[in-house]
Protein backbone atom coordinates (compact mmCIF):
# COMPACT_ATOMS: atom_id res chain seq x y z
CA MET A 1 114.99 100.81 95.28
CA PRO A 2 113.03 102.40 98.19
CA HIS A 3 111.50 105.56 97.75
CA THR A 4 113.26 108.64 98.81
CA GLU A 5 111.79 111.58 100.82
CA ALA A 6 112.40 113.70 97.62
CA SER A 7 110.81 111.33 95.11
CA ILE A 8 107.48 110.88 97.46
CA LEU A 9 107.13 114.63 97.49
CA SER A 10 107.94 115.10 93.74
CA ASN A 11 105.48 112.42 92.84
CA PHE A 12 102.69 114.00 95.01
CA LEU A 13 103.30 117.59 94.58
CA LEU A 14 104.58 118.51 91.23
CA PRO A 15 102.28 118.06 87.97
CA PRO A 16 103.40 115.21 85.87
CA ALA A 17 103.71 117.58 82.87
CA PRO A 18 103.91 121.33 81.97
CA LEU A 19 100.79 123.08 81.10
CA PRO A 20 100.96 123.02 77.31
CA ALA A 21 101.18 119.09 77.60
CA ALA A 22 98.45 118.85 79.73
CA LEU A 23 96.13 121.69 78.07
CA SER A 24 96.71 122.70 74.67
CA LEU A 25 95.98 126.34 73.70
CA ARG A 26 93.09 125.15 71.44
CA LYS A 27 91.69 123.18 74.21
CA PHE A 28 92.01 126.15 76.77
CA THR A 29 90.17 128.44 74.11
CA GLU A 30 87.41 126.08 73.96
CA LEU A 31 86.83 126.51 77.62
CA PHE A 32 85.52 129.86 76.73
CA PRO A 33 81.97 130.63 75.44
CA ARG A 34 81.90 130.66 71.57
CA SER A 35 81.52 134.45 71.49
CA HIS A 36 84.72 135.00 72.95
CA GLN A 37 86.91 132.36 71.61
CA ASP A 38 88.26 134.84 69.02
CA ASN A 39 89.50 137.16 71.49
CA PRO A 40 93.27 137.83 71.42
CA GLN A 41 93.47 137.92 75.07
CA ILE A 42 92.89 134.45 75.65
CA GLU A 43 96.33 133.64 74.27
CA VAL A 44 97.76 136.32 76.60
CA LEU A 45 95.80 134.60 79.49
CA TYR A 46 96.88 131.21 78.58
CA ARG A 47 100.71 132.44 78.53
CA TYR A 48 100.36 134.30 81.63
CA LEU A 49 98.81 130.90 83.17
CA HIS A 50 101.57 129.02 82.06
CA HIS A 51 104.26 131.23 83.47
CA GLN A 52 102.46 131.47 86.73
CA ARG A 53 102.25 127.60 86.89
CA ALA A 54 106.25 127.25 86.19
CA ILE A 55 106.92 129.76 88.91
CA GLN A 56 104.82 127.78 91.30
CA VAL A 57 106.47 124.40 90.31
CA ASP A 58 109.84 125.87 90.90
CA ALA A 59 108.85 127.11 94.14
CA VAL A 60 107.55 123.54 95.12
CA GLU A 61 110.87 122.25 93.89
CA GLN A 62 112.90 124.65 95.96
CA SER A 63 110.61 123.78 98.98
CA ILE A 64 111.09 119.89 98.31
CA ALA A 65 114.95 120.43 98.28
CA ALA A 66 114.64 122.35 101.73
CA GLU A 67 112.65 119.88 103.25
CA VAL A 68 115.01 116.92 102.30
CA LYS A 69 117.85 118.79 103.57
CA ARG A 70 115.81 119.26 106.95
CA GLY A 71 115.21 115.81 107.10
CA LYS A 72 118.91 114.65 106.57
CA LYS A 73 119.82 117.08 109.29
CA GLN A 74 117.14 115.77 111.32
CA LYS A 75 118.21 112.12 110.65
CA GLN A 76 121.77 113.01 111.80
CA GLU A 77 120.71 114.52 115.05
CA VAL A 78 118.58 111.37 116.00
CA ILE A 79 121.38 109.25 115.21
CA LYS A 80 123.78 111.44 117.39
CA ALA A 81 121.20 111.43 120.24
CA ARG A 82 120.85 107.75 120.13
CA ARG A 83 124.63 107.13 120.38
CA ALA A 84 124.75 109.57 123.22
CA THR A 85 122.11 107.37 124.94
CA GLU A 86 123.59 103.97 124.30
CA ALA A 87 127.08 104.72 125.09
CA PRO A 88 127.74 103.74 128.61
CA GLU A 89 128.83 106.39 130.59
CA LEU A 90 131.61 105.56 133.09
CA SER A 91 131.11 106.75 136.61
CA SER A 92 133.61 107.47 139.09
CA THR A 93 132.98 104.01 140.59
CA ASP A 94 133.27 102.19 137.58
CA VAL A 95 136.48 103.80 136.67
CA ARG A 96 137.81 102.87 140.39
CA GLN A 97 136.78 99.28 139.42
CA ILE A 98 138.68 99.30 136.23
CA ARG A 99 141.53 100.61 137.63
CA MET A 100 141.55 97.94 140.49
CA ASP A 101 141.22 95.08 138.01
CA ALA A 102 143.95 96.11 135.92
CA GLU A 103 146.27 96.07 139.13
C-alpha cells in the first residue's frame, strides 16, 4: 500500500507516544538535581509539560488534516487543467470541415 500524504506527515511530525510513555514522572524527576527532586512543583511542571505537548500534537494533527485537504484540492485543479489543455478545441475552420464532411 503506498504511503499517503497524511501518513507521511503523521509519521514524520507526530511523536510516536504520549509523554508519559516516553518519559515517566520518575525519570523526569531524576533530571533535576537531588536537592530539588522532592519538590512537589516537579509533578506540577510534568503535568503542565504533558498538557502542552498534547495541545501541540492536536495542533499538528489539525494542520496535517488541512494540508491533506489542500493537497486534494490542488490535485483536482491540476487534473482539471490537464483535461482543459488536452481537450482539442474546435476552431471555426474545424467546424466547417466537419459540416462539409457530413454532407
